[in-house]
Amino acid sequence: MKKNEGIFYSPIIKFISACHKCRACVHACPIKAIEWGVGELIVNRVACAQYVLKKGECLNCAAACYRGALTLEKYKITDGKIEKVTLD
């Protein structure tokens, strides 16, 4: 694997009804890769991946979600393309 490729965890809203849109996850992100769109969480997964590959795993967003609405899912970056890793 190249230096800019690898596996990383990135946030998604898993339990929409639990999310109160407090934006704690947005404020907890050290690189501002999370923002709120029209009723949805928007994650710049390329920026997230680059940060994790340089600095190591970051769990700040999930730790900040006191309602448990946000979870981390596994993704893979290869040649700048992001794919969700699924169990086979």
N, C-alpha and C. Protein backbone atom coordinates (compact mmCIF):
# COMPACT_ATOMS: atom_id res chain seq x y z
N MET A 1 0.83 -1.19 0.00
CA MET A 1 0.00 0.00 0.00
C MET A 1 0.88 1.25 0.00
N LYS A 2 0.46 2.24 -0.76
CA LYS A 2 1.19 3.49 -0.81
C LYS A 2 0.97 4.27 0.48
N LYS A 3 1.80 5.29 0.69
CA LYS A 3 1.72 6.07 1.91
C LYS A 3 0.38 6.80 2.06
N ASN A 4 -0.22 7.23 0.94
CA ASN A 4 -1.49 7.97 0.99
C ASN A 4 -2.70 7.06 0.79
N GLU A 5 -2.52 5.77 1.01
CA GLU A 5 -3.62 4.82 0.91
C GLU A 5 -3.79 4.09 2.23
N GLY A 6 -4.99 3.64 2.52
CA GLY A 6 -5.18 2.87 3.73
C GLY A 6 -6.62 2.80 4.17
N ILE A 7 -6.80 2.19 5.33
CA ILE A 7 -8.11 2.02 5.96
C ILE A 7 -8.24 3.06 7.06
N PHE A 8 -9.43 3.64 7.19
CA PHE A 8 -9.68 4.62 8.24
C PHE A 8 -11.16 4.57 8.62
N TYR A 9 -11.46 5.13 9.78
CA TYR A 9 -12.85 5.23 10.24
C TYR A 9 -13.33 6.66 10.06
N SER A 10 -14.56 6.80 9.60
CA SER A 10 -15.13 8.11 9.34
C SER A 10 -16.59 8.13 9.82
N PRO A 11 -17.09 9.30 10.25
CA PRO A 11 -18.41 9.36 10.87
C PRO A 11 -19.59 9.32 9.91
N ILE A 12 -20.68 8.75 10.41
CA ILE A 12 -21.99 8.83 9.77
C ILE A 12 -23.02 8.97 10.89
N ILE A 13 -24.17 9.54 10.57
CA ILE A 13 -25.27 9.57 11.53
C ILE A 13 -26.01 8.24 11.39
N LYS A 14 -25.90 7.41 12.40
CA LYS A 14 -26.50 6.07 12.37
C LYS A 14 -27.93 6.10 12.90
N PHE A 15 -28.16 6.90 13.92
CA PHE A 15 -29.48 6.97 14.55
C PHE A 15 -30.02 8.39 14.40
N ILE A 16 -30.67 8.64 13.27
CA ILE A 16 -31.13 9.98 12.93
C ILE A 16 -32.06 10.55 14.00
N SER A 17 -32.93 9.73 14.55
CA SER A 17 -33.88 10.23 15.55
C SER A 17 -33.18 10.66 16.84
N ALA A 18 -32.00 10.14 17.11
CA ALA A 18 -31.26 10.52 18.32
C ALA A 18 -30.48 11.81 18.13
N CYS A 19 -30.23 12.19 16.89
CA CYS A 19 -29.42 13.39 16.61
C CYS A 19 -30.25 14.65 16.84
N HIS A 20 -29.74 15.53 17.67
CA HIS A 20 -30.42 16.80 17.93
C HIS A 20 -29.75 17.97 17.23
N LYS A 21 -28.84 17.64 16.31
CA LYS A 21 -28.15 18.64 15.49
C LYS A 21 -27.43 19.69 16.34
N CYS A 22 -26.82 19.21 17.41
CA CYS A 22 -26.10 20.11 18.32
C CYS A 22 -24.76 20.57 17.73
N ARG A 23 -24.29 19.85 16.74
CA ARG A 23 -23.04 20.14 16.04
C ARG A 23 -21.78 19.92 16.89
N ALA A 24 -21.90 19.13 17.94
CA ALA A 24 -20.73 18.81 18.76
C ALA A 24 -19.68 18.10 17.92
N CYS A 25 -20.12 17.24 17.02
CA CYS A 25 -19.19 16.51 16.14
C CYS A 25 -18.47 17.47 15.20
N VAL A 26 -19.18 18.47 14.71
CA VAL A 26 -18.59 19.47 13.82
C VAL A 26 -17.48 20.23 14.54
N HIS A 27 -17.76 20.64 15.77
CA HIS A 27 -16.78 21.41 16.54
C HIS A 27 -15.62 20.56 17.03
N ALA A 28 -15.83 19.26 17.17
CA ALA A 28 -14.77 18.37 17.67
C ALA A 28 -13.76 17.98 16.60
N CYS A 29 -14.11 18.14 15.34
CA CYS A 29 -13.23 17.73 14.25
C CYS A 29 -12.02 18.67 14.15
N PRO A 30 -10.81 18.14 14.32
CA PRO A 30 -9.63 18.99 14.33
C PRO A 30 -9.29 19.61 12.97
N ILE A 31 -9.86 19.07 11.90
CA ILE A 31 -9.55 19.60 10.57
C ILE A 31 -10.78 20.18 9.86
N LYS A 32 -11.86 20.29 10.58
CA LYS A 32 -13.11 20.85 10.04
C LYS A 32 -13.59 20.09 8.81
N ALA A 33 -13.52 18.76 8.86
CA ALA A 33 -13.96 17.92 7.75
C ALA A 33 -15.44 17.58 7.84
N ILE A 34 -16.12 18.04 8.90
CA ILE A 34 -17.54 17.74 9.09
C ILE A 34 -18.31 19.06 9.09
N GLU A 35 -19.43 19.06 8.38
CA GLU A 35 -20.32 20.22 8.41
C GLU A 35 -21.75 19.73 8.26
N TRP A 36 -22.69 20.61 8.55
CA TRP A 36 -24.10 20.27 8.41
C TRP A 36 -24.62 20.87 7.13
N GLY A 37 -25.28 20.03 6.34
CA GLY A 37 -25.97 20.49 5.15
C GLY A 37 -27.44 20.65 5.49
N VAL A 38 -28.28 20.51 4.51
CA VAL A 38 -29.71 20.62 4.74
C VAL A 38 -30.19 19.31 5.35
N GLY A 39 -30.19 19.25 6.67
CA GLY A 39 -30.67 18.08 7.40
C GLY A 39 -29.76 16.86 7.35
N GLU A 40 -28.52 17.04 6.94
CA GLU A 40 -27.62 15.89 6.88
C GLU A 40 -26.19 16.28 7.25
N LEU A 41 -25.47 15.29 7.68
CA LEU A 41 -24.06 15.44 8.01
C LEU A 41 -23.25 15.29 6.72
N ILE A 42 -22.39 16.24 6.45
CA ILE A 42 -21.54 16.17 5.27
C ILE A 42 -20.11 16.01 5.75
N VAL A 43 -19.45 14.94 5.30
CA VAL A 43 -18.10 14.63 5.73
C VAL A 43 -17.17 14.65 4.52
N ASN A 44 -16.12 15.41 4.62
CA ASN A 44 -15.08 15.40 3.60
C ASN A 44 -14.18 14.21 3.94
N ARG A 45 -14.51 13.05 3.38
CA ARG A 45 -13.80 11.83 3.73
C ARG A 45 -12.36 11.81 3.24
N VAL A 46 -12.06 12.51 2.17
CA VAL A 46 -10.67 12.58 1.70
C VAL A 46 -9.83 13.31 2.74
N ALA A 47 -10.33 14.45 3.24
CA ALA A 47 -9.60 15.19 4.28
C ALA A 47 -9.49 14.36 5.55
N CYS A 48 -10.56 13.66 5.90
CA CYS A 48 -10.57 12.79 7.08
C CYS A 48 -9.50 11.71 6.92
N ALA A 49 -9.47 11.06 5.76
CA ALA A 49 -8.49 10.00 5.50
C ALA A 49 -7.07 10.53 5.56
N GLN A 50 -6.83 11.67 4.96
CA GLN A 50 -5.48 12.24 4.95
C GLN A 50 -5.01 12.55 6.36
N TYR A 51 -5.91 13.07 7.18
CA TYR A 51 -5.55 13.37 8.57
C TYR A 51 -5.20 12.08 9.32
N VAL A 52 -6.05 11.07 9.19
CA VAL A 52 -5.83 9.81 9.90
C VAL A 52 -4.54 9.14 9.44
N LEU A 53 -4.28 9.16 8.15
CA LEU A 53 -3.06 8.52 7.64
C LEU A 53 -1.80 9.23 8.10
N LYS A 54 -1.89 10.54 8.35
CA LYS A 54 -0.73 11.29 8.84
C LYS A 54 -0.58 11.24 10.36
N LYS A 55 -1.70 11.42 11.06
CA LYS A 55 -1.66 11.60 12.51
C LYS A 55 -2.07 10.36 13.31
N GLY A 56 -2.74 9.42 12.69
CA GLY A 56 -3.26 8.27 13.42
C GLY A 56 -4.76 8.43 13.62
N GLU A 57 -5.38 7.37 14.06
CA GLU A 57 -6.84 7.34 14.19
C GLU A 57 -7.36 8.47 15.06
N CYS A 58 -8.41 9.12 14.58
CA CYS A 58 -9.05 10.23 15.30
C CYS A 58 -10.49 9.82 15.59
N LEU A 59 -10.89 9.86 16.83
CA LEU A 59 -12.24 9.48 17.21
C LEU A 59 -13.00 10.64 17.86
N ASN A 60 -12.50 11.85 17.66
CA ASN A 60 -13.06 13.03 18.32
C ASN A 60 -14.55 13.23 18.06
N CYS A 61 -14.98 13.06 16.81
CA CYS A 61 -16.38 13.31 16.48
C CYS A 61 -17.31 12.34 17.21
N ALA A 62 -16.95 11.06 17.20
CA ALA A 62 -17.79 10.06 17.87
C ALA A 62 -17.80 10.28 19.38
N ALA A 63 -16.66 10.65 19.94
CA ALA A 63 -16.58 10.89 21.38
C ALA A 63 -17.41 12.11 21.78
N ALA A 64 -17.54 13.08 20.89
CA ALA A 64 -18.28 14.31 21.19
C ALA A 64 -19.79 14.12 21.11
N CYS A 65 -20.24 13.08 20.44
CA CYS A 65 -21.68 12.87 20.25
C CYS A 65 -22.28 12.24 21.51
N TYR A 66 -22.78 13.07 22.38
CA TYR A 66 -23.31 12.59 23.67
C TYR A 66 -24.64 11.87 23.52
N ARG A 67 -25.30 11.99 22.37
CA ARG A 67 -26.58 11.31 22.14
C ARG A 67 -26.42 9.92 21.54
N GLY A 68 -25.20 9.60 21.10
CA GLY A 68 -24.96 8.30 20.49
C GLY A 68 -25.52 8.15 19.09
N ALA A 69 -25.80 9.26 18.43
CA ALA A 69 -26.38 9.23 17.09
C ALA A 69 -25.32 8.96 16.02
N LEU A 70 -24.11 9.37 16.30
CA LEU A 70 -23.03 9.26 15.33
C LEU A 70 -22.22 8.00 15.58
N THR A 71 -21.84 7.34 14.52
CA THR A 71 -20.98 6.18 14.63
C THR A 71 -19.88 6.29 13.60
N LEU A 72 -18.89 5.47 13.74
CA LEU A 72 -17.79 5.46 12.78
C LEU A 72 -17.89 4.20 11.94
N GLU A 73 -17.69 4.36 10.64
CA GLU A 73 -17.69 3.21 9.75
C GLU A 73 -16.35 3.15 9.02
N LYS A 74 -15.99 1.96 8.60
CA LYS A 74 -14.68 1.73 8.00
C LYS A 74 -14.72 2.07 6.50
N TYR A 75 -13.71 2.83 6.08
CA TYR A 75 -13.55 3.21 4.69
C TYR A 75 -12.13 2.92 4.25
N LYS A 76 -11.94 2.89 2.93
CA LYS A 76 -10.62 2.67 2.36
C LYS A 76 -10.37 3.78 1.34
N ILE A 77 -9.16 4.34 1.35
CA ILE A 77 -8.78 5.31 0.33
C ILE A 77 -7.68 4.69 -0.51
N THR A 78 -7.90 4.73 -1.82
CA THR A 78 -6.94 4.23 -2.80
C THR A 78 -6.91 5.20 -3.96
N ASP A 79 -5.74 5.75 -4.25
CA ASP A 79 -5.59 6.72 -5.35
C ASP A 79 -6.61 7.87 -5.24
N GLY A 80 -6.86 8.34 -4.03
CA GLY A 80 -7.78 9.46 -3.81
C GLY A 80 -9.25 9.10 -3.86
N LYS A 81 -9.57 7.83 -4.08
CA LYS A 81 -10.97 7.40 -4.13
C LYS A 81 -11.35 6.72 -2.83
N ILE A 82 -12.51 7.07 -2.34
CA ILE A 82 -13.01 6.53 -1.06
C ILE A 82 -14.03 5.44 -1.33
N GLU A 83 -13.88 4.32 -0.64
CA GLU A 83 -14.85 3.24 -0.71
C GLU A 83 -15.19 2.80 0.70
N LYS A 84 -16.45 2.53 0.93
CA LYS A 84 -16.87 1.97 2.22
C LYS A 84 -16.45 0.51 2.26
N VAL A 85 -15.88 0.10 3.36
CA VAL A 85 -15.46 -1.29 3.53
C VAL A 85 -16.64 -2.06 4.10
N THR A 86 -17.04 -3.11 3.40
CA THR A 86 -18.17 -3.93 3.85
C THR A 86 -17.68 -5.32 4.18
N LEU A 87 -18.38 -5.95 5.06
CA LEU A 87 -18.06 -7.34 5.41
C LEU A 87 -18.59 -8.26 4.34
N ASP A 88 -17.79 -9.19 3.93
CA ASP A 88 -18.22 -10.15 2.91
C ASP A 88 -18.60 -11.46 3.54
